[in-house]
Amino acid sequence: MFGELTPVGGGDPIPLRKKKLLVGRREGCDITLRFANVSAHHCQLSLEQGYWFVKDLKSRNGTKVNGTRVTRKRIDPGDTLSVAKHKYTVNYSPVDLGAAGPPPPDEEEISEILSRSLLDRAGLSRRRPAVERFDELDEIVGGPIADQDITERYDVLDDSEGQIPDRNEPI
């Protein structure tokens, strides 16, 4: 056993028996919480370097650690984990689980931010080609947006007709 979740306010503790646990309302989850406000696949608990981490799986009612909503965070011993409105105290010993040295950073957002270019982080990255943008719109609308090559530009000094193709006109 790698620790346990003890319900705040009383109840039977839930043992943490594996290094990766799926928490949710479905029967196929490792930890099944049969409450209407718990998502089918609510969050995932994982043991990394002797510490438990929680990752919210885009649940509707959220996952909190010590009252703060999180997407991914390290759970230290004695912290309160809230799955929707249900609170649990996390009990485990990092030393018994193989922790050595300082605890690992609790959020992966740092590595995600550092993996992007400085221009991209500042919002100054180059725009995607028009073809990619229209392909994305095609998926949203459910049909082709442009029938012709949209990378061709029209001449602003030429005022003759037919430079901008009419999509409603048959070919």
C-alpha atoms as a PDB file:
ATOM      1  CA  MET A   1       0.000   0.000   0.000  1.00  0.00           C
ATOM      2  CA  PHE A   2       1.315   3.449  -0.987  1.00  0.00           C
ATOM      3  CA  GLY A   3      -0.843   5.560   1.334  1.00  0.00           C
ATOM      4  CA  GLU A   4      -4.508   6.306   1.836  1.00  0.00           C
ATOM      5  CA  LEU A   5      -7.234   8.885   1.336  1.00  0.00           C
ATOM      6  CA  THR A   6      -9.152   9.568   4.539  1.00  0.00           C
ATOM      7  CA  PRO A   7     -12.549  11.261   4.077  1.00  0.00           C
ATOM      8  CA  VAL A   8     -12.766  14.569   5.948  1.00  0.00           C
ATOM      9  CA  GLY A   9     -15.662  14.305   8.392  1.00  0.00           C
ATOM     10  CA  GLY A  10     -15.374  10.549   8.813  1.00  0.00           C
ATOM     11  CA  GLY A  11     -15.669   7.414   6.771  1.00  0.00           C
ATOM     12  CA  ASP A  12     -13.584   4.460   5.705  1.00  0.00           C
ATOM     13  CA  PRO A  13     -10.104   5.292   4.364  1.00  0.00           C
ATOM     14  CA  ILE A  14      -9.416   4.485   0.724  1.00  0.00           C
ATOM     15  CA  PRO A  15      -6.105   2.648   0.238  1.00  0.00           C
ATOM     16  CA  LEU A  16      -3.759   3.775  -2.535  1.00  0.00           C
ATOM     17  CA  ARG A  17      -2.692   0.361  -3.859  1.00  0.00           C
ATOM     18  CA  LYS A  18      -1.090   1.223  -7.217  1.00  0.00           C
ATOM     19  CA  LYS A  19       1.349   3.861  -8.456  1.00  0.00           C
ATOM     20  CA  LYS A  20      -1.214   5.227 -10.935  1.00  0.00           C
ATOM     21  CA  LEU A  21      -4.857   5.488  -9.997  1.00  0.00           C
ATOM     22  CA  LEU A  22      -7.821   6.743 -11.986  1.00  0.00           C
ATOM     23  CA  VAL A  23     -10.469   8.428  -9.824  1.00  0.00           C
ATOM     24  CA  GLY A  24     -14.024   8.831 -11.102  1.00  0.00           C
ATOM     25  CA  ARG A  25     -17.653   7.781 -11.062  1.00  0.00           C
ATOM     26  CA  ARG A  26     -17.324   4.860 -13.512  1.00  0.00           C
ATOM     27  CA  GLU A  27     -16.971   1.279 -12.332  1.00  0.00           C
ATOM     28  CA  GLY A  28     -13.789   0.855 -14.377  1.00  0.00           C
ATOM     29  CA  CYS A  29     -11.927   3.479 -12.304  1.00  0.00           C
ATOM     30  CA  ASP A  30      -9.368   2.376  -9.725  1.00  0.00           C
ATOM     31  CA  ILE A  31     -11.106   4.531  -7.104  1.00  0.00           C
ATOM     32  CA  THR A  32     -14.846   4.737  -7.755  1.00  0.00           C
ATOM     33  CA  LEU A  33     -16.725   7.612  -6.124  1.00  0.00           C
ATOM     34  CA  ARG A  34     -20.442   7.131  -6.704  1.00  0.00           C
ATOM     35  CA  PHE A  35     -21.557  10.753  -6.549  1.00  0.00           C
ATOM     36  CA  ALA A  36     -23.433  12.656  -9.261  1.00  0.00           C
ATOM     37  CA  ASN A  37     -21.044  15.634  -9.124  1.00  0.00           C
ATOM     38  CA  VAL A  38     -17.946  13.456  -9.728  1.00  0.00           C
ATOM     39  CA  SER A  39     -17.036  13.114 -13.426  1.00  0.00           C
ATOM     40  CA  ALA A  40     -16.791   9.708 -15.066  1.00  0.00           C
ATOM     41  CA  HIS A  41     -12.994  10.093 -15.235  1.00  0.00           C
ATOM     42  CA  HIS A  42     -12.383  12.926 -12.779  1.00  0.00           C
ATOM     43  CA  CYS A  43      -8.660  12.908 -11.971  1.00  0.00           C
ATOM     44  CA  GLN A  44      -5.553  10.748 -11.923  1.00  0.00           C
ATOM     45  CA  LEU A  45      -3.272  10.156  -8.962  1.00  0.00           C
ATOM     46  CA  SER A  46       0.308   9.151  -9.727  1.00  0.00           C
ATOM     47  CA  LEU A  47       3.311   8.386  -7.539  1.00  0.00           C
ATOM     48  CA  GLU A  48       6.476  10.114  -8.796  1.00  0.00           C
ATOM     49  CA  GLN A  49       9.812  10.123  -6.952  1.00  0.00           C
ATOM     50  CA  GLY A  50       8.108   9.207  -3.674  1.00  0.00           C
ATOM     51  CA  TYR A  51       5.403  11.912  -3.865  1.00  0.00           C
ATOM     52  CA  TRP A  52       1.770  11.732  -4.961  1.00  0.00           C
ATOM     53  CA  PHE A  53       0.628  14.016  -7.782  1.00  0.00           C
ATOM     54  CA  VAL A  54      -2.922  14.741  -8.905  1.00  0.00           C
ATOM     55  CA  LYS A  55      -3.904  15.623 -12.470  1.00  0.00           C
ATOM     56  CA  ASP A  56      -7.394  16.895 -13.241  1.00  0.00           C
ATOM     57  CA  LEU A  57      -8.838  15.208 -16.326  1.00  0.00           C
ATOM     58  CA  LYS A  58     -10.910  18.230 -17.439  1.00  0.00           C
ATOM     59  CA  SER A  59     -13.598  17.418 -14.914  1.00  0.00           C
ATOM     60  CA  ARG A  60     -16.698  19.553 -14.722  1.00  0.00           C
ATOM     61  CA  ASN A  61     -16.573  20.286 -10.970  1.00  0.00           C
ATOM     62  CA  GLY A  62     -12.799  20.430 -10.634  1.00  0.00           C
ATOM     63  CA  THR A  63     -10.064  19.048  -8.437  1.00  0.00           C
ATOM     64  CA  LYS A  64      -8.589  21.063  -5.576  1.00  0.00           C
ATOM     65  CA  VAL A  65      -5.563  20.725  -3.320  1.00  0.00           C
ATOM     66  CA  ASN A  66      -5.898  22.640  -0.048  1.00  0.00           C
ATOM     67  CA  GLY A  67      -8.818  24.614  -1.491  1.00  0.00           C
ATOM     68  CA  THR A  68      -7.034  25.734  -4.684  1.00  0.00           C
ATOM     69  CA  ARG A  69      -8.252  24.413  -8.038  1.00  0.00           C
ATOM     70  CA  VAL A  70      -5.459  22.662  -9.918  1.00  0.00           C
ATOM     71  CA  THR A  71      -4.722  21.032 -13.258  1.00  0.00           C
ATOM     72  CA  ARG A  72      -1.654  19.172 -11.939  1.00  0.00           C
ATOM     73  CA  LYS A  73      -0.040  19.470  -8.513  1.00  0.00           C
ATOM     74  CA  ARG A  74       2.083  17.605  -6.016  1.00  0.00           C
ATOM     75  CA  ILE A  75       0.156  16.442  -2.936  1.00  0.00           C
ATOM     76  CA  ASP A  76       2.229  16.577   0.219  1.00  0.00           C
ATOM     77  CA  PRO A  77       1.391  14.366   3.233  1.00  0.00           C
ATOM     78  CA  GLY A  78      -1.538  15.811   5.181  1.00  0.00           C
ATOM     79  CA  ASP A  79      -2.838  17.915   2.260  1.00  0.00           C
ATOM     80  CA  THR A  80      -6.567  18.005   1.563  1.00  0.00           C
ATOM     81  CA  LEU A  81      -7.633  16.682  -1.849  1.00  0.00           C
ATOM     82  CA  SER A  82     -11.096  17.729  -3.043  1.00  0.00           C
ATOM     83  CA  VAL A  83     -12.718  15.714  -5.803  1.00  0.00           C
ATOM     84  CA  ALA A  84     -15.731  17.863  -6.744  1.00  0.00           C
ATOM     85  CA  LYS A  85     -17.127  18.714  -3.279  1.00  0.00           C
ATOM     86  CA  HIS A  86     -15.773  15.580  -1.551  1.00  0.00           C
ATOM     87  CA  LYS A  87     -12.710  16.190   0.633  1.00  0.00           C
ATOM     88  CA  TYR A  88     -10.017  13.685   1.580  1.00  0.00           C
ATOM     89  CA  THR A  89      -6.844  13.957   3.636  1.00  0.00           C
ATOM     90  CA  VAL A  90      -3.896  12.332   1.866  1.00  0.00           C
ATOM     91  CA  ASN A  91      -1.760  10.229   4.213  1.00  0.00           C
ATOM     92  CA  TYR A  92       1.572   8.711   3.144  1.00  0.00           C
ATOM     93  CA  SER A  93       5.275   8.807   3.927  1.00  0.00           C
ATOM     94  CA  PRO A  94       7.534  10.033   1.085  1.00  0.00           C
ATOM     95  CA  VAL A  95      10.602   8.445   2.696  1.00  0.00           C
ATOM     96  CA  ASP A  96       8.904   5.026   2.760  1.00  0.00           C
ATOM     97  CA  LEU A  97       8.010   5.473  -0.913  1.00  0.00           C
ATOM     98  CA  GLY A  98      11.595   6.174  -2.005  1.00  0.00           C
ATOM     99  CA  ALA A  99      11.803   9.972  -1.887  1.00  0.00           C
ATOM    100  CA  ALA A 100      15.330  11.331  -1.674  1.00  0.00           C
ATOM    101  CA  GLY A 101      16.419  14.944  -1.641  1.00  0.00           C
ATOM    102  CA  PRO A 102      14.093  17.883  -2.209  1.00  0.00           C
ATOM    103  CA  PRO A 103      10.575  17.227  -3.484  1.00  0.00           C
ATOM    104  CA  PRO A 104      10.068  17.440  -7.253  1.00  0.00           C
ATOM    105  CA  PRO A 105       8.442  20.591  -8.691  1.00  0.00           C
ATOM    106  CA  ASP A 106       4.696  20.361  -8.341  1.00  0.00           C
ATOM    107  CA  GLU A 107       3.601  21.663 -11.733  1.00  0.00           C
ATOM    108  CA  GLU A 108       4.549  20.592 -15.235  1.00  0.00           C
ATOM    109  CA  GLU A 109       3.557  24.001 -16.618  1.00  0.00           C
ATOM    110  CA  ILE A 110       7.125  25.220 -16.061  1.00  0.00           C
ATOM    111  CA  SER A 111       8.564  22.652 -18.467  1.00  0.00           C
ATOM    112  CA  GLU A 112       5.706  23.318 -20.895  1.00  0.00           C
ATOM    113  CA  ILE A 113       6.431  27.063 -20.875  1.00  0.00           C
ATOM    114  CA  LEU A 114      10.173  26.557 -21.280  1.00  0.00           C
ATOM    115  CA  SER A 115       9.643  24.236 -24.236  1.00  0.00           C
ATOM    116  CA  ARG A 116       8.011  27.049 -26.278  1.00  0.00           C
ATOM    117  CA  SER A 117       9.978  29.767 -28.044  1.00  0.00           C
ATOM    118  CA  LEU A 118      10.252  33.219 -26.517  1.00  0.00           C
ATOM    119  CA  LEU A 119       8.335  34.774 -29.425  1.00  0.00           C
ATOM    120  CA  ASP A 120       5.560  32.211 -29.035  1.00  0.00           C
ATOM    121  CA  ARG A 121       5.319  32.852 -25.275  1.00  0.00           C
ATOM    122  CA  ALA A 122       5.078  36.598 -25.937  1.00  0.00           C
ATOM    123  CA  GLY A 123       2.330  36.049 -28.520  1.00  0.00           C
ATOM    124  CA  LEU A 124       4.546  37.291 -31.348  1.00  0.00           C
ATOM    125  CA  SER A 125       5.025  34.047 -33.225  1.00  0.00           C
ATOM    126  CA  ARG A 126       4.455  33.981 -36.949  1.00  0.00           C
ATOM    127  CA  ARG A 127       0.887  33.559 -38.029  1.00  0.00           C
ATOM    128  CA  ARG A 128      -0.131  30.237 -39.437  1.00  0.00           C
ATOM    129  CA  PRO A 129      -0.531  30.109 -43.202  1.00  0.00           C
ATOM    130  CA  ALA A 130      -4.021  30.927 -44.440  1.00  0.00           C
ATOM    131  CA  VAL A 131      -4.440  27.380 -45.738  1.00  0.00           C
ATOM    132  CA  GLU A 132      -4.126  25.981 -42.190  1.00  0.00           C
ATOM    133  CA  ARG A 133      -6.587  28.534 -40.813  1.00  0.00           C
ATOM    134  CA  PHE A 134      -9.171  27.703 -43.505  1.00  0.00           C
ATOM    135  CA  ASP A 135      -8.661  23.954 -42.940  1.00  0.00           C
ATOM    136  CA  GLU A 136      -9.458  24.549 -39.278  1.00  0.00           C
ATOM    137  CA  LEU A 137     -12.599  26.488 -40.251  1.00  0.00           C
ATOM    138  CA  ASP A 138     -13.576  23.672 -42.630  1.00  0.00           C
ATOM    139  CA  GLU A 139     -13.658  21.289 -39.672  1.00  0.00           C
ATOM    140  CA  ILE A 140     -15.763  23.673 -37.590  1.00  0.00           C
ATOM    141  CA  VAL A 141     -18.258  24.517 -40.355  1.00  0.00           C
ATOM    142  CA  GLY A 142     -18.322  20.982 -41.733  1.00  0.00           C
ATOM    143  CA  GLY A 143     -17.486  21.832 -45.338  1.00  0.00           C
ATOM    144  CA  PRO A 144     -14.918  23.529 -47.538  1.00  0.00           C
ATOM    145  CA  ILE A 145     -14.505  27.242 -46.949  1.00  0.00           C
ATOM    146  CA  ALA A 146     -12.450  27.994 -50.030  1.00  0.00           C
ATOM    147  CA  ASP A 147     -12.559  26.019 -53.253  1.00  0.00           C
ATOM    148  CA  GLN A 148      -9.506  27.669 -54.753  1.00  0.00           C
ATOM    149  CA  ASP A 149      -5.956  28.256 -53.638  1.00  0.00           C
ATOM    150  CA  ILE A 150      -6.394  30.979 -51.014  1.00  0.00           C
ATOM    151  CA  THR A 151      -2.725  31.837 -50.883  1.00  0.00           C
ATOM    152  CA  GLU A 152      -3.081  33.810 -54.149  1.00  0.00           C
ATOM    153  CA  ARG A 153      -3.378  37.540 -53.550  1.00  0.00           C
ATOM    154  CA  TYR A 154      -5.326  40.018 -55.591  1.00  0.00           C
ATOM    155  CA  ASP A 155      -3.846  43.212 -56.995  1.00  0.00           C
ATOM    156  CA  VAL A 156      -5.125  46.195 -54.989  1.00  0.00           C
ATOM    157  CA  LEU A 157      -4.264  48.614 -57.789  1.00  0.00           C
ATOM    158  CA  ASP A 158      -6.221  46.645 -60.395  1.00  0.00           C
ATOM    159  CA  ASP A 159      -9.930  47.452 -60.076  1.00  0.00           C
ATOM    160  CA  SER A 160     -11.151  44.915 -62.636  1.00  0.00           C
ATOM    161  CA  GLU A 161     -13.785  42.354 -61.706  1.00  0.00           C
ATOM    162  CA  GLY A 162     -13.136  38.729 -60.795  1.00  0.00           C
ATOM    163  CA  GLN A 163     -10.066  39.087 -58.621  1.00  0.00           C
ATOM    164  CA  ILE A 164     -11.852  37.757 -55.544  1.00  0.00           C
ATOM    165  CA  PRO A 165     -13.626  34.504 -56.391  1.00  0.00           C
ATOM    166  CA  ASP A 166     -17.297  34.291 -55.471  1.00  0.00           C
ATOM    167  CA  ARG A 167     -17.828  31.028 -53.570  1.00  0.00           C
ATOM    168  CA  ASN A 168     -21.551  31.071 -54.327  1.00  0.00           C
ATOM    169  CA  GLU A 169     -21.022  31.085 -58.095  1.00  0.00           C
ATOM    170  CA  PRO A 170     -20.787  27.690 -59.858  1.00  0.00           C
ATOM    171  CA  ILE A 171     -17.505  26.756 -61.485  1.00  0.00           C
END
